N, C-alpha and C. Protein backbone atom coordinates (compact mmCIF):
# COMPACT_ATOMS: atom_id res chain seq x y z
N MET A 1 25.57 -55.88 65.47
CA MET A 1 25.74 -55.79 64.03
C MET A 1 24.43 -56.16 63.35
N VAL A 2 24.12 -55.45 62.28
CA VAL A 2 22.91 -55.71 61.53
C VAL A 2 23.19 -56.84 60.53
N ASP A 3 22.41 -57.91 60.61
CA ASP A 3 22.66 -59.08 59.77
C ASP A 3 22.60 -58.78 58.29
N TRP A 4 21.70 -57.85 57.87
CA TRP A 4 21.55 -57.63 56.44
C TRP A 4 22.77 -56.95 55.82
N LEU A 5 23.71 -56.46 56.64
CA LEU A 5 24.92 -55.89 56.07
C LEU A 5 25.84 -56.97 55.50
N TRP A 6 25.64 -58.22 55.92
CA TRP A 6 26.46 -59.32 55.41
C TRP A 6 25.87 -59.88 54.14
N LEU A 7 25.68 -59.00 53.16
CA LEU A 7 25.15 -59.43 51.87
C LEU A 7 26.24 -60.19 51.11
N ALA A 8 25.82 -61.08 50.23
CA ALA A 8 26.80 -61.84 49.45
C ALA A 8 27.24 -61.00 48.26
N PHE A 9 28.47 -60.51 48.31
CA PHE A 9 29.08 -59.78 47.20
C PHE A 9 30.22 -60.65 46.70
N TYR A 10 30.61 -60.37 45.50
CA TYR A 10 31.78 -61.07 44.97
C TYR A 10 32.75 -60.02 44.46
N THR A 11 34.00 -60.28 44.62
CA THR A 11 35.03 -59.39 44.12
C THR A 11 36.07 -60.20 43.36
N ARG A 12 36.70 -59.58 42.39
CA ARG A 12 37.71 -60.26 41.59
C ARG A 12 39.04 -60.22 42.33
N ILE A 13 39.59 -61.38 42.60
CA ILE A 13 40.93 -61.51 43.18
C ILE A 13 41.70 -62.38 42.21
N GLY A 14 42.68 -61.79 41.56
CA GLY A 14 43.42 -62.53 40.54
C GLY A 14 42.49 -62.91 39.40
N ASP A 15 42.44 -64.20 39.07
CA ASP A 15 41.60 -64.66 37.97
C ASP A 15 40.24 -65.17 38.43
N GLY A 16 39.98 -65.15 39.71
CA GLY A 16 38.73 -65.71 40.20
C GLY A 16 37.86 -64.71 40.94
N LEU A 17 36.69 -65.17 41.32
CA LEU A 17 35.77 -64.37 42.12
C LEU A 17 35.74 -64.94 43.52
N VAL A 18 35.79 -64.06 44.50
CA VAL A 18 35.78 -64.45 45.90
C VAL A 18 34.55 -63.85 46.55
N PRO A 19 33.76 -64.64 47.31
CA PRO A 19 32.61 -64.05 47.98
C PRO A 19 33.06 -63.04 49.03
N VAL A 20 32.38 -61.91 49.06
CA VAL A 20 32.69 -60.85 50.01
C VAL A 20 31.54 -60.73 50.99
N GLY A 21 31.84 -60.76 52.27
CA GLY A 21 30.81 -60.58 53.28
C GLY A 21 29.86 -61.75 53.40
N ALA A 22 30.28 -62.94 53.02
CA ALA A 22 29.40 -64.09 53.06
C ALA A 22 29.24 -64.65 54.46
N GLY A 23 30.00 -64.18 55.40
CA GLY A 23 29.92 -64.68 56.76
C GLY A 23 30.75 -63.82 57.68
N PRO A 24 30.98 -64.28 58.89
CA PRO A 24 31.72 -63.45 59.85
C PRO A 24 33.23 -63.49 59.62
N VAL A 25 33.64 -63.05 58.44
CA VAL A 25 35.05 -62.90 58.13
C VAL A 25 35.26 -61.44 57.77
N ASP A 26 36.48 -61.08 57.50
CA ASP A 26 36.71 -59.67 57.21
C ASP A 26 36.09 -59.28 55.87
N LEU A 27 36.25 -57.99 55.53
CA LEU A 27 35.56 -57.39 54.40
C LEU A 27 35.78 -58.09 53.08
N LEU A 28 36.91 -58.68 52.87
CA LEU A 28 37.22 -59.27 51.57
C LEU A 28 37.15 -60.79 51.56
N GLY A 29 36.57 -61.39 52.57
CA GLY A 29 36.42 -62.82 52.59
C GLY A 29 37.62 -63.55 53.14
N TYR A 30 38.59 -62.83 53.68
CA TYR A 30 39.76 -63.47 54.26
C TYR A 30 39.55 -63.68 55.74
N ALA A 31 40.04 -64.79 56.25
CA ALA A 31 39.89 -65.10 57.67
C ALA A 31 40.91 -64.37 58.52
N SER A 32 42.04 -63.96 57.94
CA SER A 32 43.06 -63.27 58.73
C SER A 32 43.89 -62.37 57.83
N ASP A 33 44.63 -61.47 58.45
CA ASP A 33 45.49 -60.56 57.71
C ASP A 33 46.57 -61.31 56.95
N SER A 34 46.98 -62.46 57.45
CA SER A 34 48.07 -63.19 56.80
C SER A 34 47.65 -63.77 55.45
N SER A 35 46.36 -63.83 55.17
CA SER A 35 45.90 -64.39 53.89
C SER A 35 46.39 -63.61 52.70
N VAL A 36 46.57 -62.31 52.83
CA VAL A 36 47.06 -61.54 51.70
C VAL A 36 48.55 -61.77 51.46
N GLU A 37 49.24 -62.34 52.42
CA GLU A 37 50.68 -62.57 52.29
C GLU A 37 51.01 -63.57 51.18
N VAL A 38 50.06 -64.37 50.76
CA VAL A 38 50.32 -65.36 49.70
C VAL A 38 50.07 -64.79 48.31
N LEU A 39 49.57 -63.57 48.22
CA LEU A 39 49.23 -62.97 46.93
C LEU A 39 50.42 -62.25 46.33
N ASP A 40 50.42 -62.19 44.98
CA ASP A 40 51.47 -61.41 44.33
C ASP A 40 51.02 -59.94 44.26
N ALA A 41 51.87 -59.07 43.73
CA ALA A 41 51.62 -57.63 43.74
C ALA A 41 50.34 -57.26 43.00
N ASP A 42 50.10 -57.88 41.84
CA ASP A 42 48.88 -57.57 41.08
C ASP A 42 47.63 -57.96 41.86
N ASP A 43 47.67 -59.13 42.49
CA ASP A 43 46.52 -59.58 43.27
C ASP A 43 46.30 -58.71 44.50
N VAL A 44 47.40 -58.25 45.11
CA VAL A 44 47.27 -57.35 46.27
C VAL A 44 46.60 -56.05 45.83
N LEU A 45 46.99 -55.53 44.66
CA LEU A 45 46.33 -54.31 44.18
C LEU A 45 44.85 -54.56 43.93
N ASP A 46 44.51 -55.75 43.43
CA ASP A 46 43.10 -56.10 43.26
C ASP A 46 42.36 -56.06 44.60
N VAL A 47 43.01 -56.55 45.63
CA VAL A 47 42.41 -56.53 46.97
C VAL A 47 42.23 -55.09 47.45
N VAL A 48 43.23 -54.25 47.22
CA VAL A 48 43.15 -52.85 47.62
C VAL A 48 41.98 -52.17 46.91
N VAL A 49 41.85 -52.40 45.62
CA VAL A 49 40.75 -51.79 44.85
C VAL A 49 39.40 -52.34 45.33
N ALA A 50 39.33 -53.64 45.55
CA ALA A 50 38.08 -54.23 46.04
C ALA A 50 37.70 -53.67 47.40
N ALA A 51 38.69 -53.48 48.26
CA ALA A 51 38.42 -52.92 49.59
C ALA A 51 37.89 -51.50 49.46
N GLU A 52 38.47 -50.72 48.57
CA GLU A 52 38.01 -49.34 48.36
C GLU A 52 36.56 -49.31 47.88
N ARG A 53 36.22 -50.22 46.99
CA ARG A 53 34.83 -50.29 46.49
C ARG A 53 33.88 -50.71 47.62
N ARG A 54 34.29 -51.63 48.47
CA ARG A 54 33.45 -52.07 49.59
C ARG A 54 33.28 -50.95 50.61
N ILE A 55 34.34 -50.18 50.83
CA ILE A 55 34.25 -49.04 51.74
C ILE A 55 33.23 -48.05 51.21
N ALA A 56 33.30 -47.76 49.91
CA ALA A 56 32.34 -46.83 49.30
C ALA A 56 30.91 -47.36 49.43
N ALA A 57 30.73 -48.65 49.20
CA ALA A 57 29.39 -49.24 49.33
C ALA A 57 28.89 -49.12 50.77
N ALA A 58 29.77 -49.34 51.73
CA ALA A 58 29.38 -49.20 53.14
C ALA A 58 29.05 -47.75 53.47
N GLN A 59 29.79 -46.82 52.88
CA GLN A 59 29.50 -45.41 53.11
C GLN A 59 28.14 -45.03 52.50
N ALA A 60 27.79 -45.63 51.39
CA ALA A 60 26.47 -45.38 50.80
C ALA A 60 25.37 -45.88 51.74
N VAL A 61 25.58 -47.05 52.35
CA VAL A 61 24.62 -47.55 53.33
C VAL A 61 24.50 -46.56 54.48
N GLN A 62 25.65 -46.05 54.94
CA GLN A 62 25.63 -45.07 56.03
C GLN A 62 24.90 -43.80 55.60
N MET A 63 25.10 -43.34 54.38
CA MET A 63 24.41 -42.13 53.91
C MET A 63 22.89 -42.34 53.89
N ARG A 64 22.46 -43.50 53.41
CA ARG A 64 21.02 -43.79 53.41
C ARG A 64 20.47 -43.83 54.84
N ALA A 65 21.23 -44.44 55.74
CA ALA A 65 20.79 -44.54 57.13
C ALA A 65 20.75 -43.15 57.79
N LEU A 66 21.74 -42.32 57.53
CA LEU A 66 21.74 -40.98 58.09
C LEU A 66 20.59 -40.14 57.54
N ALA A 67 20.30 -40.29 56.27
CA ALA A 67 19.17 -39.55 55.69
C ALA A 67 17.86 -40.01 56.32
N ARG A 68 17.74 -41.30 56.56
CA ARG A 68 16.54 -41.82 57.23
C ARG A 68 16.46 -41.27 58.66
N PHE A 69 17.59 -41.24 59.35
CA PHE A 69 17.62 -40.70 60.71
C PHE A 69 17.16 -39.24 60.70
N ALA A 70 17.63 -38.48 59.72
CA ALA A 70 17.23 -37.07 59.61
C ALA A 70 15.73 -36.95 59.41
N ARG A 71 15.15 -37.84 58.60
CA ARG A 71 13.69 -37.81 58.39
C ARG A 71 12.94 -38.19 59.66
N LEU A 72 13.56 -39.04 60.48
CA LEU A 72 12.93 -39.45 61.75
C LEU A 72 13.05 -38.38 62.83
N ARG A 73 13.85 -37.38 62.59
CA ARG A 73 14.02 -36.25 63.51
C ARG A 73 13.60 -34.97 62.79
N PRO A 74 12.31 -34.85 62.49
CA PRO A 74 11.86 -33.67 61.73
C PRO A 74 11.96 -32.39 62.55
N SER A 75 12.03 -31.31 61.84
CA SER A 75 12.11 -30.00 62.47
C SER A 75 10.73 -29.37 62.50
N GLY A 76 10.50 -28.56 63.49
CA GLY A 76 9.27 -27.77 63.53
C GLY A 76 9.36 -26.55 62.62
N ASP A 77 10.59 -26.26 62.16
CA ASP A 77 10.85 -25.11 61.30
C ASP A 77 10.67 -25.52 59.84
N PRO A 78 9.79 -24.85 59.09
CA PRO A 78 9.58 -25.24 57.69
C PRO A 78 10.81 -25.04 56.79
N ASP A 79 11.77 -24.22 57.23
CA ASP A 79 12.97 -24.00 56.44
C ASP A 79 14.03 -25.09 56.63
N ASN A 80 13.87 -25.92 57.66
CA ASN A 80 14.82 -27.00 57.94
C ASN A 80 14.07 -28.32 57.96
N ALA A 81 14.59 -29.28 57.20
CA ALA A 81 13.93 -30.58 57.14
C ALA A 81 14.14 -31.39 58.41
N MET A 82 15.33 -31.26 59.02
CA MET A 82 15.61 -32.07 60.20
C MET A 82 15.78 -31.18 61.43
N SER A 83 15.60 -31.78 62.55
CA SER A 83 15.76 -31.09 63.83
C SER A 83 17.18 -30.57 63.98
N GLU A 84 17.31 -29.43 64.60
CA GLU A 84 18.64 -28.88 64.85
C GLU A 84 19.44 -29.76 65.82
N PHE A 85 18.76 -30.65 66.52
CA PHE A 85 19.42 -31.52 67.50
C PHE A 85 19.80 -32.88 66.95
N ALA A 86 19.47 -33.16 65.67
CA ALA A 86 19.82 -34.46 65.08
C ALA A 86 21.33 -34.69 65.12
N ALA A 87 22.10 -33.66 64.82
CA ALA A 87 23.56 -33.79 64.83
C ALA A 87 24.07 -34.09 66.24
N ASP A 88 23.36 -33.60 67.26
CA ASP A 88 23.77 -33.86 68.63
C ASP A 88 23.65 -35.34 68.98
N GLU A 89 22.77 -36.05 68.32
CA GLU A 89 22.63 -37.49 68.55
C GLU A 89 23.64 -38.29 67.74
N VAL A 90 23.89 -37.83 66.51
CA VAL A 90 24.80 -38.55 65.62
C VAL A 90 26.26 -38.39 66.06
N ALA A 91 26.61 -37.20 66.52
CA ALA A 91 28.02 -36.90 66.85
C ALA A 91 28.64 -37.90 67.81
N PRO A 92 28.04 -38.16 68.98
CA PRO A 92 28.70 -39.12 69.88
C PRO A 92 28.66 -40.56 69.35
N ALA A 93 27.61 -40.89 68.60
CA ALA A 93 27.51 -42.25 68.07
C ALA A 93 28.65 -42.54 67.08
N LEU A 94 29.04 -41.52 66.31
CA LEU A 94 30.10 -41.70 65.32
C LEU A 94 31.44 -41.10 65.77
N ARG A 95 31.47 -40.64 67.01
CA ARG A 95 32.67 -40.01 67.56
C ARG A 95 33.15 -38.86 66.69
N LEU A 96 32.20 -37.99 66.34
CA LEU A 96 32.47 -36.82 65.51
C LEU A 96 32.15 -35.56 66.31
N SER A 97 32.68 -34.45 65.85
CA SER A 97 32.23 -33.18 66.42
C SER A 97 30.80 -32.93 65.95
N ARG A 98 30.12 -32.05 66.63
CA ARG A 98 28.75 -31.73 66.24
C ARG A 98 28.71 -31.19 64.82
N SER A 99 29.67 -30.31 64.48
CA SER A 99 29.66 -29.72 63.13
C SER A 99 29.94 -30.79 62.06
N SER A 100 30.84 -31.72 62.33
CA SER A 100 31.10 -32.80 61.37
C SER A 100 29.86 -33.69 61.20
N ALA A 101 29.17 -33.96 62.29
CA ALA A 101 27.94 -34.76 62.21
C ALA A 101 26.87 -34.03 61.41
N ALA A 102 26.76 -32.71 61.61
CA ALA A 102 25.78 -31.92 60.86
C ALA A 102 26.09 -31.95 59.37
N VAL A 103 27.38 -31.83 59.03
CA VAL A 103 27.78 -31.88 57.62
C VAL A 103 27.45 -33.24 57.03
N ARG A 104 27.74 -34.30 57.76
CA ARG A 104 27.46 -35.64 57.26
C ARG A 104 25.96 -35.85 57.05
N LEU A 105 25.15 -35.38 57.98
CA LEU A 105 23.69 -35.47 57.83
C LEU A 105 23.22 -34.69 56.61
N ASP A 106 23.79 -33.52 56.41
CA ASP A 106 23.42 -32.69 55.26
C ASP A 106 23.79 -33.37 53.95
N ILE A 107 24.99 -33.91 53.88
CA ILE A 107 25.42 -34.62 52.66
C ILE A 107 24.50 -35.81 52.40
N ALA A 108 24.19 -36.56 53.44
CA ALA A 108 23.32 -37.73 53.28
C ALA A 108 21.95 -37.32 52.76
N THR A 109 21.41 -36.24 53.31
CA THR A 109 20.09 -35.77 52.89
C THR A 109 20.11 -35.31 51.43
N ARG A 110 21.13 -34.60 51.06
CA ARG A 110 21.22 -34.10 49.67
C ARG A 110 21.44 -35.25 48.68
N LEU A 111 22.25 -36.23 49.07
CA LEU A 111 22.47 -37.37 48.17
C LEU A 111 21.18 -38.14 47.94
N THR A 112 20.39 -38.33 48.98
CA THR A 112 19.18 -39.14 48.82
C THR A 112 18.05 -38.38 48.17
N THR A 113 18.05 -37.06 48.27
CA THR A 113 16.94 -36.29 47.70
C THR A 113 17.27 -35.66 46.36
N ARG A 114 18.39 -34.97 46.26
CA ARG A 114 18.73 -34.22 45.05
C ARG A 114 19.63 -34.97 44.09
N LEU A 115 20.47 -35.85 44.61
CA LEU A 115 21.52 -36.46 43.79
C LEU A 115 21.54 -37.98 43.90
N PRO A 116 20.43 -38.63 43.59
CA PRO A 116 20.39 -40.10 43.74
C PRO A 116 21.37 -40.82 42.81
N GLY A 117 21.71 -40.24 41.68
CA GLY A 117 22.68 -40.86 40.79
C GLY A 117 24.07 -40.90 41.40
N THR A 118 24.41 -39.85 42.13
CA THR A 118 25.70 -39.80 42.82
C THR A 118 25.73 -40.84 43.93
N LEU A 119 24.64 -40.95 44.67
CA LEU A 119 24.56 -41.97 45.72
C LEU A 119 24.65 -43.37 45.13
N ALA A 120 24.02 -43.60 43.99
CA ALA A 120 24.09 -44.91 43.34
C ALA A 120 25.53 -45.23 42.90
N ALA A 121 26.25 -44.22 42.39
CA ALA A 121 27.65 -44.43 42.00
C ALA A 121 28.51 -44.76 43.22
N LEU A 122 28.23 -44.10 44.35
CA LEU A 122 28.92 -44.42 45.59
C LEU A 122 28.60 -45.85 46.02
N GLU A 123 27.36 -46.22 45.93
CA GLU A 123 26.91 -47.56 46.32
C GLU A 123 27.58 -48.65 45.48
N ARG A 124 27.80 -48.36 44.21
CA ARG A 124 28.46 -49.32 43.32
C ARG A 124 29.98 -49.30 43.48
N GLY A 125 30.49 -48.37 44.27
CA GLY A 125 31.93 -48.28 44.47
C GLY A 125 32.66 -47.60 43.33
N GLU A 126 31.93 -46.90 42.47
CA GLU A 126 32.56 -46.20 41.34
C GLU A 126 33.24 -44.92 41.79
N ILE A 127 32.70 -44.28 42.83
CA ILE A 127 33.30 -43.08 43.40
C ILE A 127 33.39 -43.29 44.91
N ASP A 128 34.19 -42.46 45.55
CA ASP A 128 34.29 -42.54 47.01
C ASP A 128 33.49 -41.39 47.63
N LEU A 129 33.45 -41.34 48.94
CA LEU A 129 32.65 -40.34 49.62
C LEU A 129 33.18 -38.93 49.38
N SER A 130 34.48 -38.76 49.23
CA SER A 130 35.01 -37.42 48.97
C SER A 130 34.54 -36.90 47.62
N LYS A 131 34.44 -37.77 46.63
CA LYS A 131 33.93 -37.35 45.32
C LYS A 131 32.42 -37.07 45.39
N ALA A 132 31.70 -37.88 46.14
CA ALA A 132 30.27 -37.63 46.31
C ALA A 132 30.06 -36.27 46.98
N ARG A 133 30.89 -36.00 47.98
CA ARG A 133 30.79 -34.71 48.67
C ARG A 133 31.11 -33.55 47.72
N ALA A 134 32.08 -33.74 46.83
CA ALA A 134 32.41 -32.70 45.85
C ALA A 134 31.21 -32.39 44.96
N VAL A 135 30.48 -33.42 44.55
CA VAL A 135 29.28 -33.21 43.73
C VAL A 135 28.23 -32.44 44.53
N VAL A 136 28.03 -32.83 45.77
CA VAL A 136 27.06 -32.15 46.64
C VAL A 136 27.43 -30.67 46.77
N GLU A 137 28.68 -30.39 47.07
CA GLU A 137 29.11 -29.01 47.29
C GLU A 137 29.03 -28.17 46.02
N ALA A 138 29.41 -28.74 44.88
CA ALA A 138 29.38 -27.98 43.62
C ALA A 138 27.96 -27.66 43.18
N THR A 139 27.03 -28.54 43.49
CA THR A 139 25.65 -28.34 43.04
C THR A 139 24.78 -27.66 44.08
N ASP A 140 25.34 -27.37 45.25
CA ASP A 140 24.57 -26.78 46.34
C ASP A 140 23.79 -25.52 45.95
N PRO A 141 24.41 -24.55 45.26
CA PRO A 141 23.64 -23.34 44.95
C PRO A 141 22.67 -23.48 43.78
N LEU A 142 22.69 -24.62 43.12
CA LEU A 142 21.87 -24.82 41.93
C LEU A 142 20.46 -25.28 42.27
N THR A 143 19.56 -25.10 41.33
CA THR A 143 18.22 -25.67 41.47
C THR A 143 18.33 -27.18 41.36
N ASP A 144 17.30 -27.88 41.77
CA ASP A 144 17.31 -29.35 41.68
C ASP A 144 17.52 -29.80 40.24
N GLU A 145 16.88 -29.12 39.30
CA GLU A 145 17.00 -29.48 37.89
C GLU A 145 18.43 -29.28 37.39
N HIS A 146 19.02 -28.14 37.73
CA HIS A 146 20.40 -27.89 37.32
C HIS A 146 21.37 -28.83 38.02
N ALA A 147 21.13 -29.12 39.28
CA ALA A 147 21.99 -30.05 40.02
C ALA A 147 21.99 -31.42 39.35
N ALA A 148 20.81 -31.89 38.96
CA ALA A 148 20.71 -33.19 38.28
C ALA A 148 21.45 -33.17 36.95
N ALA A 149 21.36 -32.05 36.22
CA ALA A 149 22.05 -31.94 34.93
C ALA A 149 23.56 -31.97 35.12
N VAL A 150 24.07 -31.28 36.12
CA VAL A 150 25.51 -31.29 36.39
C VAL A 150 25.94 -32.70 36.78
N GLN A 151 25.19 -33.32 37.68
CA GLN A 151 25.49 -34.70 38.10
C GLN A 151 25.58 -35.61 36.88
N ASP A 152 24.62 -35.52 35.99
CA ASP A 152 24.59 -36.39 34.82
C ASP A 152 25.79 -36.16 33.90
N GLN A 153 26.27 -34.92 33.84
CA GLN A 153 27.41 -34.61 32.98
C GLN A 153 28.73 -35.15 33.52
N VAL A 154 28.87 -35.22 34.84
CA VAL A 154 30.18 -35.58 35.40
C VAL A 154 30.32 -37.03 35.85
N LEU A 155 29.22 -37.68 36.15
CA LEU A 155 29.34 -39.02 36.75
C LEU A 155 29.95 -40.08 35.83
N GLY A 156 29.79 -39.94 34.55
CA GLY A 156 30.33 -40.93 33.63
C GLY A 156 31.84 -41.12 33.74
N ARG A 157 32.55 -40.02 34.02
CA ARG A 157 34.01 -40.08 34.12
C ARG A 157 34.51 -40.00 35.56
N ALA A 158 33.65 -39.70 36.50
CA ALA A 158 34.07 -39.44 37.88
C ALA A 158 34.87 -40.59 38.48
N GLY A 159 34.54 -41.81 38.14
CA GLY A 159 35.23 -42.97 38.70
C GLY A 159 36.68 -43.10 38.25
N THR A 160 37.02 -42.49 37.13
CA THR A 160 38.39 -42.57 36.62
C THR A 160 39.20 -41.31 36.91
N GLN A 161 38.56 -40.33 37.54
CA GLN A 161 39.23 -39.06 37.82
C GLN A 161 39.70 -38.99 39.27
N THR A 162 40.70 -38.15 39.48
CA THR A 162 41.07 -37.82 40.86
C THR A 162 40.02 -36.83 41.38
N ALA A 163 40.04 -36.59 42.69
CA ALA A 163 39.09 -35.63 43.26
C ALA A 163 39.29 -34.25 42.66
N GLY A 164 40.53 -33.84 42.43
CA GLY A 164 40.81 -32.54 41.83
C GLY A 164 40.28 -32.45 40.40
N GLN A 165 40.47 -33.50 39.62
CA GLN A 165 39.95 -33.52 38.26
C GLN A 165 38.43 -33.46 38.26
N LEU A 166 37.82 -34.17 39.20
CA LEU A 166 36.36 -34.14 39.29
C LEU A 166 35.87 -32.73 39.64
N ARG A 167 36.53 -32.07 40.58
CA ARG A 167 36.12 -30.70 40.94
C ARG A 167 36.23 -29.77 39.73
N ALA A 168 37.27 -29.93 38.93
CA ALA A 168 37.41 -29.12 37.71
C ALA A 168 36.27 -29.43 36.74
N SER A 169 35.94 -30.71 36.58
CA SER A 169 34.82 -31.10 35.71
C SER A 169 33.51 -30.52 36.23
N LEU A 170 33.36 -30.53 37.55
CA LEU A 170 32.14 -29.97 38.14
C LEU A 170 32.04 -28.47 37.87
N ARG A 171 33.15 -27.75 38.01
CA ARG A 171 33.13 -26.30 37.73
C ARG A 171 32.72 -26.03 36.29
N ARG A 172 33.28 -26.80 35.35
CA ARG A 172 32.93 -26.62 33.93
C ARG A 172 31.46 -26.96 33.69
N ALA A 173 30.98 -28.04 34.32
CA ALA A 173 29.58 -28.44 34.13
C ALA A 173 28.63 -27.40 34.71
N VAL A 174 28.96 -26.84 35.86
CA VAL A 174 28.12 -25.80 36.46
C VAL A 174 28.07 -24.59 35.53
N LEU A 175 29.20 -24.22 34.94
CA LEU A 175 29.22 -23.10 34.00
C LEU A 175 28.37 -23.36 32.77
N ARG A 176 28.39 -24.60 32.28
CA ARG A 176 27.57 -24.94 31.11
C ARG A 176 26.08 -24.93 31.45
N VAL A 177 25.75 -25.45 32.61
CA VAL A 177 24.34 -25.62 32.98
C VAL A 177 23.71 -24.30 33.44
N ASP A 178 24.47 -23.52 34.21
CA ASP A 178 23.92 -22.29 34.79
C ASP A 178 24.99 -21.20 34.79
N PRO A 179 25.32 -20.65 33.61
CA PRO A 179 26.41 -19.68 33.54
C PRO A 179 26.15 -18.42 34.37
N GLU A 180 24.93 -17.93 34.37
CA GLU A 180 24.63 -16.72 35.14
C GLU A 180 24.72 -16.97 36.64
N GLY A 181 24.20 -18.10 37.07
CA GLY A 181 24.26 -18.45 38.48
C GLY A 181 25.69 -18.66 38.95
N ALA A 182 26.52 -19.27 38.11
CA ALA A 182 27.92 -19.50 38.47
C ALA A 182 28.66 -18.17 38.61
N CYS A 183 28.39 -17.23 37.71
CA CYS A 183 29.03 -15.92 37.80
C CYS A 183 28.58 -15.17 39.05
N ALA A 184 27.29 -15.26 39.35
CA ALA A 184 26.78 -14.60 40.56
C ALA A 184 27.40 -15.22 41.82
N ALA A 185 27.55 -16.52 41.83
CA ALA A 185 28.16 -17.20 42.97
C ALA A 185 29.63 -16.78 43.12
N SER A 186 30.34 -16.64 42.00
CA SER A 186 31.73 -16.20 42.05
C SER A 186 31.84 -14.79 42.60
N ARG A 187 30.92 -13.92 42.19
CA ARG A 187 30.94 -12.54 42.70
C ARG A 187 30.65 -12.52 44.20
N ARG A 188 29.69 -13.35 44.66
CA ARG A 188 29.39 -13.41 46.09
C ARG A 188 30.58 -13.92 46.88
N ALA A 189 31.26 -14.92 46.35
CA ALA A 189 32.43 -15.49 47.04
C ALA A 189 33.57 -14.48 47.12
N ALA A 190 33.74 -13.69 46.06
CA ALA A 190 34.81 -12.68 46.05
C ALA A 190 34.47 -11.59 47.04
């Protein structure tokens, strides 16, 4: 285990703040599963929300690490930033298929290069990885400038939306930012 992952975070449990990750205890600062048994329903929901935010923050760390790994495995091909074999190394380490590892590497690379605001929202636990992936996929055909504009339009509300609502917001934002490109993409898809 990497020691720097045990950063001191605090999360709201009931009316107080509890240190998260301050030592070798579980994610929310509890020594055992039975610790949540003393909480009431509202406090348990607080724990559930705090856990979701910590999961998102851990996924952001993983995205940064995967993007770094991709940079450490450069490609000889100028059209590809990373080696075609990078996914072959990641797949067994994460117990993923090769194609799933390649997708994860691609998402990590795009978040760190084209969509740093989305990665920052993931890191803060405002969105989850599925929402970050939705932003990546919706902005994929766009230029870097248009992708950043779409990201900026949707991130403010993304944390309060479901994944479906976010995808709808992304479609509208893409149409506003690049109406001709969106129409061309729709024609290609059809």
